[in-house]
């Protein structure tokens, strides 16, 4: 069985979708009866190294983002990508194409697409206009081309069916997982890496994620700014994530908090450093308005770090009762929960225990096995390791 796997998301910055694609590709390579054909930018590629593909000079990144704002350039890119893909795939009708980030090209063979969320449709105000325009067009094409869909959570499965009318019996929920590198660590093992960031084990509260409107970081800053000064200085707020978009005012707020001495902004943190940053945190807070899965929450649970997150979208499903939840607009509740999370040792011990148990339910092996099951449904055959 030939699987054409879209590996476009394996690039800088390596977000949750890129991590999903990379980990899935690694697992699928272990299936002896699968011939994996990685596909990116309309052609086949050989290198699946995440480290090798996420290097993207800032200048080139800036140019790409600038060109995306020009409608004619965006349209030309779409047309060129379709033409290249059509040519590359013309003799592979018997294969299965898997679009790991919703997109599938025009292809005579069977197609399956993974939808991570519908934020460009349901929360369009959180994205740039050019991104919304491009994504909405491609999403509609994929819904017409894909025979089956995969989602990261049941929440998104139901949302896609409600939005598009796509049959629920053709949509499969396959949860993500986190790397084995995310696990509890002693202070002696985190000290060197944390020192590079000016941090110490158990001496900060962590948020990770792109700095963008959907992540609701304003509410986190609002809540944190009202904590007692002694608490904020003992446990400053650390924000780690790619610079993001539509956030000039938010970055100004972050700079002000850094200047005031109760916050750090680390920017994008390298993949190899991230598990240490998680394991060293006293508490993890994730206030997002909307998530298709919420991989950072699972990474925190697996790291033995107590979690506070919003009760929106897929997050209650992923945390499974192991986190303290709050309405994403409720600043007072978030403030209350942060204080409990920092100071209540009984709550912390229970949260850590529940979190580790919940995290143990997820693995990339399970994710890959369930994905192969979907391929089998398309191919009408059974393949095993």
Protein backbone atom coordinates (compact mmCIF):
# COMPACT_ATOMS: atom_id res chain seq x y z
CA UNK A 1 0.00 0.00 0.00
CA UNK A 2 1.53 3.30 -1.12
CA UNK A 3 0.90 6.31 1.11
CA UNK A 4 1.67 9.77 -0.23
CA UNK A 5 2.11 11.77 2.95
CA UNK A 6 2.04 15.55 2.84
CA UNK A 7 4.99 16.79 4.93
CA UNK A 8 4.55 20.49 4.17
CA UNK A 9 3.94 21.31 7.88
CA UNK A 10 7.45 20.15 8.86
CA UNK A 11 8.97 23.61 8.72
CA UNK A 12 9.83 26.61 10.86
CA UNK A 13 8.19 27.28 13.23
CA UNK A 14 7.52 23.65 14.16
CA UNK A 15 4.04 24.07 15.66
CA UNK A 16 1.68 21.32 16.80
CA UNK A 17 0.69 20.46 13.22
CA UNK A 18 4.33 20.15 12.19
CA UNK A 19 5.03 17.96 15.21
CA UNK A 20 2.03 15.74 14.36
CA UNK A 21 3.23 15.32 10.78
CA UNK A 22 6.80 14.55 11.81
CA UNK A 23 5.86 12.02 14.49
CA UNK A 24 3.27 10.33 12.26
CA UNK A 25 5.81 10.01 9.43
CA UNK A 26 8.35 8.42 11.80
CA UNK A 27 5.81 5.88 13.02
CA UNK A 28 4.51 5.02 9.53
CA UNK A 29 8.05 4.19 8.44
CA UNK A 30 7.92 1.24 10.86
CA UNK A 31 5.10 -0.44 8.91
CA UNK A 32 6.78 -2.89 6.58
CA UNK A 33 3.78 -3.18 4.25
CA UNK A 34 3.49 0.57 3.74
CA UNK A 35 5.51 2.38 1.12
CA UNK A 36 5.73 5.92 2.46
CA UNK A 37 6.19 8.67 -0.14
CA UNK A 38 6.76 12.05 1.57
CA UNK A 39 5.36 14.93 -0.49
CA UNK A 40 5.91 18.70 -0.07
CA UNK A 41 5.30 21.78 -2.21
CA UNK A 42 4.02 19.74 -5.11
CA UNK A 43 6.88 17.24 -5.33
CA UNK A 44 8.37 14.23 -3.53
CA UNK A 45 11.10 14.71 -0.91
CA UNK A 46 13.62 12.42 0.78
CA UNK A 47 14.56 14.18 4.04
CA UNK A 48 12.14 13.76 6.95
CA UNK A 49 14.45 15.30 9.54
CA UNK A 50 12.48 17.89 11.49
CA UNK A 51 15.70 19.68 12.39
CA UNK A 52 16.72 19.70 8.74
CA UNK A 53 13.50 21.25 7.50
CA UNK A 54 12.59 23.89 10.06
CA UNK A 55 15.56 26.15 9.31
CA UNK A 56 14.06 29.25 7.72
CA UNK A 57 16.05 32.52 7.71
CA UNK A 58 14.04 35.44 9.12
CA UNK A 59 14.52 37.44 5.91
CA UNK A 60 13.01 34.68 3.77
CA UNK A 61 10.20 34.25 6.30
CA UNK A 62 9.46 37.99 6.13
CA UNK A 63 9.39 37.92 2.32
CA UNK A 64 7.01 34.96 2.31
CA UNK A 65 4.60 36.69 4.70
CA UNK A 66 4.75 39.90 2.65
CA UNK A 67 3.98 38.11 -0.61
CA UNK A 68 1.00 36.33 0.98
CA UNK A 69 -0.69 39.72 1.38
CA UNK A 70 -0.82 40.19 -2.39
CA UNK A 71 -3.99 38.52 -3.68
CA UNK A 72 -2.62 37.87 -7.18
CA UNK A 73 0.52 36.24 -5.77
CA UNK A 74 -1.57 33.99 -3.49
CA UNK A 75 -3.74 32.92 -6.43
CA UNK A 76 -0.68 32.25 -8.60
CA UNK A 77 0.86 30.14 -5.83
CA UNK A 78 -2.33 28.07 -5.55
CA UNK A 79 -2.42 27.44 -9.29
CA UNK A 80 1.30 26.58 -9.49
CA UNK A 81 1.04 24.21 -6.53
CA UNK A 82 -1.89 22.40 -8.16
CA UNK A 83 -0.04 22.07 -11.49
CA UNK A 84 3.13 20.71 -9.85
CA UNK A 85 1.13 18.24 -7.78
CA UNK A 86 -0.88 17.04 -10.77
CA UNK A 87 2.30 16.33 -12.70
CA UNK A 88 4.05 14.59 -9.78
CA UNK A 89 1.03 12.40 -8.95
CA UNK A 90 -0.11 11.47 -12.46
CA UNK A 91 1.10 7.84 -12.35
CA UNK A 92 0.10 7.06 -8.75
CA UNK A 93 -3.65 6.54 -8.98
CA UNK A 94 -3.43 3.37 -6.90
CA UNK A 95 -1.87 5.18 -3.94
CA UNK A 96 -3.56 6.99 -1.04
CA UNK A 97 -2.87 10.68 -0.54
CA UNK A 98 -2.92 11.91 3.08
CA UNK A 99 -3.10 15.65 3.58
CA UNK A 100 -1.79 16.09 7.12
CA UNK A 101 -2.92 19.72 7.34
CA UNK A 102 -6.33 19.62 5.58
CA UNK A 103 -5.01 20.26 2.04
CA UNK A 104 -5.25 17.61 -0.68
CA UNK A 105 -4.50 18.31 -4.35
CA UNK A 106 -6.57 17.18 -7.30
CA UNK A 107 -5.74 13.48 -7.47
CA UNK A 108 -7.33 10.47 -9.17
CA UNK A 109 -6.50 8.16 -6.27
CA UNK A 110 -8.11 7.99 -2.83
CA UNK A 111 -7.58 10.94 -0.47
CA UNK A 112 -7.84 11.43 3.28
CA UNK A 113 -7.30 14.75 5.04
CA UNK A 114 -6.56 15.62 8.66
CA UNK A 115 -8.47 18.67 9.89
CA UNK A 116 -6.88 20.09 13.04
CA UNK A 117 -9.42 22.87 13.54
CA UNK A 118 -11.80 25.20 11.71
CA UNK A 119 -10.59 28.46 13.21
CA UNK A 120 -10.29 30.21 9.82
CA UNK A 121 -14.02 29.67 9.44
CA UNK A 122 -15.38 29.85 12.98
CA UNK A 123 -12.90 32.42 14.35
CA UNK A 124 -11.91 34.28 11.19
CA UNK A 125 -11.38 37.48 13.20
CA UNK A 126 -8.28 35.92 14.76
CA UNK A 127 -6.48 35.52 11.42
CA UNK A 128 -5.11 37.86 8.78
CA UNK A 129 -7.49 38.50 5.85
CA UNK A 130 -5.11 36.93 3.33
CA UNK A 131 -4.81 33.78 5.45
CA UNK A 132 -8.59 33.51 5.74
CA UNK A 133 -9.05 34.01 2.00
CA UNK A 134 -6.48 31.35 1.10
CA UNK A 135 -7.55 28.79 3.69
CA UNK A 136 -11.29 29.05 3.07
CA UNK A 137 -10.78 28.32 -0.60
CA UNK A 138 -8.55 25.32 0.06
CA UNK A 139 -10.78 23.94 2.83
CA UNK A 140 -13.77 23.85 0.51
CA UNK A 141 -11.75 22.05 -2.17
CA UNK A 142 -10.55 19.45 0.31
CA UNK A 143 -14.05 18.73 1.59
CA UNK A 144 -15.00 17.93 -2.03
CA UNK A 145 -11.91 15.81 -2.78
CA UNK A 146 -11.32 13.76 0.39
CA UNK A 147 -13.14 10.43 0.74
CA UNK A 148 -12.49 10.35 4.51
CA UNK A 149 -11.44 12.88 7.14
CA UNK A 150 -9.40 12.64 10.33
CA UNK A 151 -9.69 15.05 13.27
CA UNK A 152 -7.60 15.44 16.42
CA UNK A 153 -10.62 15.59 18.71
CA UNK A 154 -14.29 14.69 18.87
CA UNK A 155 -15.09 18.38 19.23
CA UNK A 156 -13.62 19.16 15.80
CA UNK A 157 -15.26 16.06 14.31
CA UNK A 158 -18.67 17.34 15.34
CA UNK A 159 -17.83 20.89 14.26
CA UNK A 160 -16.81 19.83 10.75
CA UNK A 161 -19.97 17.76 10.31
CA UNK A 162 -22.15 20.64 11.49
CA UNK A 163 -20.39 23.18 9.29
CA UNK A 164 -20.06 21.21 6.07
CA UNK A 165 -22.71 18.50 6.18
CA UNK A 166 -19.92 15.96 5.72
CA UNK A 167 -21.15 12.59 7.03
CA UNK A 168 -20.01 11.78 10.58
CA UNK A 169 -19.42 8.15 9.63
CA UNK A 170 -16.67 9.35 7.29
CA UNK A 171 -14.86 11.39 9.94
CA UNK A 172 -12.50 9.64 12.37
CA UNK A 173 -11.17 11.11 15.60
CA UNK A 174 -7.52 10.22 16.18
CA UNK A 175 -5.94 12.05 19.15
CA UNK A 176 -2.44 13.43 19.00
CA UNK A 177 0.29 12.59 21.51
CA UNK A 178 3.50 14.09 22.82
CA UNK A 179 7.10 13.00 22.54
CA UNK A 180 8.59 10.66 25.12
CA UNK A 181 10.95 13.55 25.90
CA UNK A 182 8.13 15.13 27.93
CA UNK A 183 8.33 13.57 31.38
CA UNK A 184 9.07 14.69 34.97
CA UNK A 185 12.69 15.74 35.53
CA UNK A 186 14.79 16.52 38.58
CA UNK A 187 16.27 19.99 39.00
CA UNK A 188 19.74 18.61 38.37
CA UNK A 189 18.75 17.59 34.82
CA UNK A 190 17.06 20.87 33.88
CA UNK A 191 19.54 23.30 35.44
CA UNK A 192 21.88 23.86 32.47
CA UNK A 193 19.16 24.52 29.91
CA UNK A 194 17.01 26.63 32.22
CA UNK A 195 20.05 28.71 33.15
CA UNK A 196 20.37 29.77 29.48
CA UNK A 197 16.94 31.37 29.82
CA UNK A 198 17.67 32.85 33.24
CA UNK A 199 15.28 30.41 34.93
CA UNK A 200 15.32 27.89 37.78
CA UNK A 201 13.34 24.70 38.41
CA UNK A 202 9.93 25.34 39.98
CA UNK A 203 10.37 29.11 39.92
CA UNK A 204 8.05 30.19 37.08
CA UNK A 205 4.63 29.77 35.50
CA UNK A 206 4.68 28.71 31.85
CA UNK A 207 2.61 29.44 28.75
CA UNK A 208 3.67 28.08 25.34
CA UNK A 209 2.08 28.78 21.98
CA UNK A 210 2.13 31.23 19.10
CA UNK A 211 1.47 34.82 20.13
CA UNK A 212 -1.83 35.29 18.30
CA UNK A 213 -5.34 36.52 19.23
CA UNK A 214 -6.91 33.05 19.42
CA UNK A 215 -4.62 32.10 22.31
CA UNK A 216 -6.27 34.69 24.62
CA UNK A 217 -2.99 35.83 26.17
CA UNK A 218 -4.53 39.19 27.07
CA UNK A 219 -6.68 37.50 29.71
CA UNK A 220 -3.64 35.69 31.09
CA UNK A 221 -1.78 39.00 31.41
CA UNK A 222 -4.85 40.62 33.00
CA UNK A 223 -5.10 37.87 35.61
CA UNK A 224 -1.37 37.76 36.32
CA UNK A 225 -1.09 41.52 36.70
CA UNK A 226 -3.56 41.42 39.63
CA UNK A 227 -1.64 38.80 41.63
CA UNK A 228 0.21 40.02 44.73
CA UNK A 229 3.54 41.53 43.76
CA UNK A 230 5.43 39.05 45.95
CA UNK A 231 3.78 36.11 44.10
CA UNK A 232 4.59 37.52 40.66
CA UNK A 233 8.21 38.09 41.56
CA UNK A 234 8.64 34.67 43.16
CA UNK A 235 6.95 32.93 40.21
CA UNK A 236 7.18 35.15 37.10
CA UNK A 237 5.18 34.36 33.99
CA UNK A 238 7.22 32.84 31.15
CA UNK A 239 5.80 33.03 27.63
CA UNK A 240 7.41 30.92 24.91
CA UNK A 241 6.25 30.81 21.31
CA UNK A 242 6.66 32.09 17.79
CA UNK A 243 6.15 35.84 17.31
CA UNK A 244 2.77 35.33 15.62
CA UNK A 245 0.41 37.81 13.97
CA UNK A 246 -2.16 40.56 14.68
CA UNK A 247 -0.50 41.18 18.01
CA UNK A 248 1.36 44.51 18.10
CA UNK A 249 -0.61 45.70 21.14
CA UNK A 250 -0.18 42.33 22.85
CA UNK A 251 3.59 42.37 22.35
CA UNK A 252 3.65 45.88 23.82
CA UNK A 253 1.88 44.51 26.91
CA UNK A 254 4.37 41.65 27.15
CA UNK A 255 7.31 44.07 26.93
CA UNK A 256 5.77 46.17 29.70
CA UNK A 257 5.39 43.09 31.92
CA UNK A 258 9.00 42.10 31.23
CA UNK A 259 10.16 45.61 32.12
CA UNK A 260 8.14 45.44 35.33
CA UNK A 261 10.05 42.31 36.32
CA UNK A 262 7.22 39.74 36.45
CA UNK A 263 7.40 38.20 32.96
CA UNK A 264 9.84 36.73 30.44
CA UNK A 265 9.29 36.36 26.70
CA UNK A 266 11.55 33.67 25.23
CA UNK A 267 10.32 33.67 21.64
CA UNK A 268 10.42 30.40 19.73
CA UNK A 269 12.11 27.70 21.82
CA UNK A 270 14.04 24.93 20.06
CA UNK A 271 12.42 21.49 20.03
CA UNK A 272 15.21 19.92 22.06
CA UNK A 273 14.92 22.55 24.84
CA UNK A 274 11.15 22.56 25.18
CA UNK A 275 10.79 19.40 27.38
CA UNK A 276 13.17 20.91 29.93
CA UNK A 277 11.26 24.19 29.94
CA UNK A 278 8.03 22.29 30.64
CA UNK A 279 9.50 20.04 33.31
CA UNK A 280 10.96 23.02 35.16
CA UNK A 281 7.68 24.92 35.47
CA UNK A 282 5.76 25.28 38.72
CA UNK A 283 2.48 25.58 36.81
CA UNK A 284 1.26 25.60 33.20
CA UNK A 285 -1.52 27.96 32.10
CA UNK A 286 -3.28 27.79 28.73
CA UNK A 287 -6.16 30.29 28.32
CA UNK A 288 -6.97 29.69 24.64
CA UNK A 289 -10.34 30.61 23.13
CA UNK A 290 -10.25 27.70 20.70
CA UNK A 291 -8.11 24.61 20.07
CA UNK A 292 -8.39 21.64 17.76
CA UNK A 293 -6.47 19.60 20.32
CA UNK A 294 -4.15 21.64 22.55
CA UNK A 295 -0.87 19.74 22.40
CA UNK A 296 0.97 21.99 24.91
CA UNK A 297 -1.56 21.00 27.57
CA UNK A 298 -0.79 17.31 27.03
CA UNK A 299 2.96 18.05 27.08
CA UNK A 300 2.55 19.75 30.45
CA UNK A 301 0.54 16.86 31.91
CA UNK A 302 3.16 14.38 30.72
CA UNK A 303 5.88 16.53 32.29
CA UNK A 304 4.32 16.25 35.73
CA UNK A 305 3.29 19.91 35.79
CA UNK A 306 -0.14 20.98 37.13
CA UNK A 307 -2.34 22.52 34.43
CA UNK A 308 -4.90 25.33 34.35
CA UNK A 309 -6.63 25.83 31.03
CA UNK A 310 -9.81 27.25 29.54
CA UNK A 311 -12.91 25.10 29.22
CA UNK A 312 -13.28 25.86 25.51
CA UNK A 313 -13.44 23.61 22.45
CA UNK A 314 -11.35 20.41 22.73
CA UNK A 315 -9.45 21.19 25.94
CA UNK A 316 -11.80 19.43 28.42
CA UNK A 317 -11.64 16.37 26.15
CA UNK A 318 -7.83 16.32 26.15
CA UNK A 319 -7.34 17.04 29.86
CA UNK A 320 -9.94 14.45 30.92
CA UNK A 321 -10.54 15.94 34.38
CA UNK A 322 -6.83 16.30 35.15
CA UNK A 323 -6.73 20.11 34.87
CA UNK A 324 -8.51 23.01 36.52
CA UNK A 325 -10.76 24.70 33.94
CA UNK A 326 -12.11 28.22 33.66
CA UNK A 327 -14.22 30.26 31.25
CA UNK A 328 -11.73 31.98 28.91
CA UNK A 329 -13.22 35.41 29.69
CA UNK A 330 -13.25 34.98 33.49
CA UNK A 331 -10.18 36.88 34.70
CA UNK A 332 -11.09 36.61 38.38
CA UNK A 333 -11.47 32.82 38.21
CA UNK A 334 -8.16 32.47 36.41
CA UNK A 335 -6.44 34.59 39.06
CA UNK A 336 -7.96 32.40 41.79
CA UNK A 337 -6.84 29.19 40.09
CA UNK A 338 -3.30 30.46 39.56
CA UNK A 339 -2.95 31.20 43.26
CA UNK A 340 -4.25 27.73 44.15
CA UNK A 341 -1.94 26.16 41.57
CA UNK A 342 1.08 27.91 43.04
CA UNK A 343 0.38 27.64 46.76
CA UNK A 344 -1.96 24.70 47.50
CA UNK A 345 0.34 21.67 47.84
CA UNK A 346 -2.51 19.17 48.23
CA UNK A 347 -4.12 20.37 45.01
CA UNK A 348 -0.78 20.30 43.24
CA UNK A 349 -0.03 16.72 44.26
CA UNK A 350 -3.44 15.52 43.08
CA UNK A 351 -3.16 17.46 39.80
CA UNK A 352 0.26 16.00 39.03
CA UNK A 353 -0.93 12.45 39.69
CA UNK A 354 -4.07 12.84 37.57
CA UNK A 355 -2.11 14.54 34.82
CA UNK A 356 0.46 11.78 34.47
CA UNK A 357 -2.32 9.18 34.34
CA UNK A 358 -4.25 11.11 31.68
CA UNK A 359 -1.14 11.67 29.57
CA UNK A 360 -0.38 7.94 29.59
CA UNK A 361 -3.52 7.36 27.48
CA UNK A 362 -1.93 9.04 24.44
CA UNK A 363 0.92 7.85 22.22
CA UNK A 364 2.17 8.38 18.69
CA UNK A 365 2.06 4.60 18.24
CA UNK A 366 -1.70 4.65 18.88
CA UNK A 367 -2.08 7.64 16.58
CA UNK A 368 -0.26 5.87 13.75
CA UNK A 369 -2.13 2.58 14.25
CA UNK A 370 -5.50 4.34 14.06
CA UNK A 371 -4.34 6.26 10.98
CA UNK A 372 -3.32 3.04 9.24
CA UNK A 373 -6.80 1.70 10.05
CA UNK A 374 -8.23 4.63 8.08
CA UNK A 375 -5.90 3.85 5.17
CA UNK A 376 -7.15 0.26 5.27
CA UNK A 377 -10.73 1.45 4.98
CA UNK A 378 -9.79 3.33 1.84
CA UNK A 379 -7.74 0.52 0.38
CA UNK A 380 -10.08 -2.29 1.40
CA UNK A 381 -7.14 -4.40 2.64
CA UNK A 382 -5.39 -5.19 5.94
CA UNK A 383 -1.76 -4.44 6.64
CA UNK A 384 0.19 -5.15 9.79
CA UNK A 385 3.62 -4.40 11.20
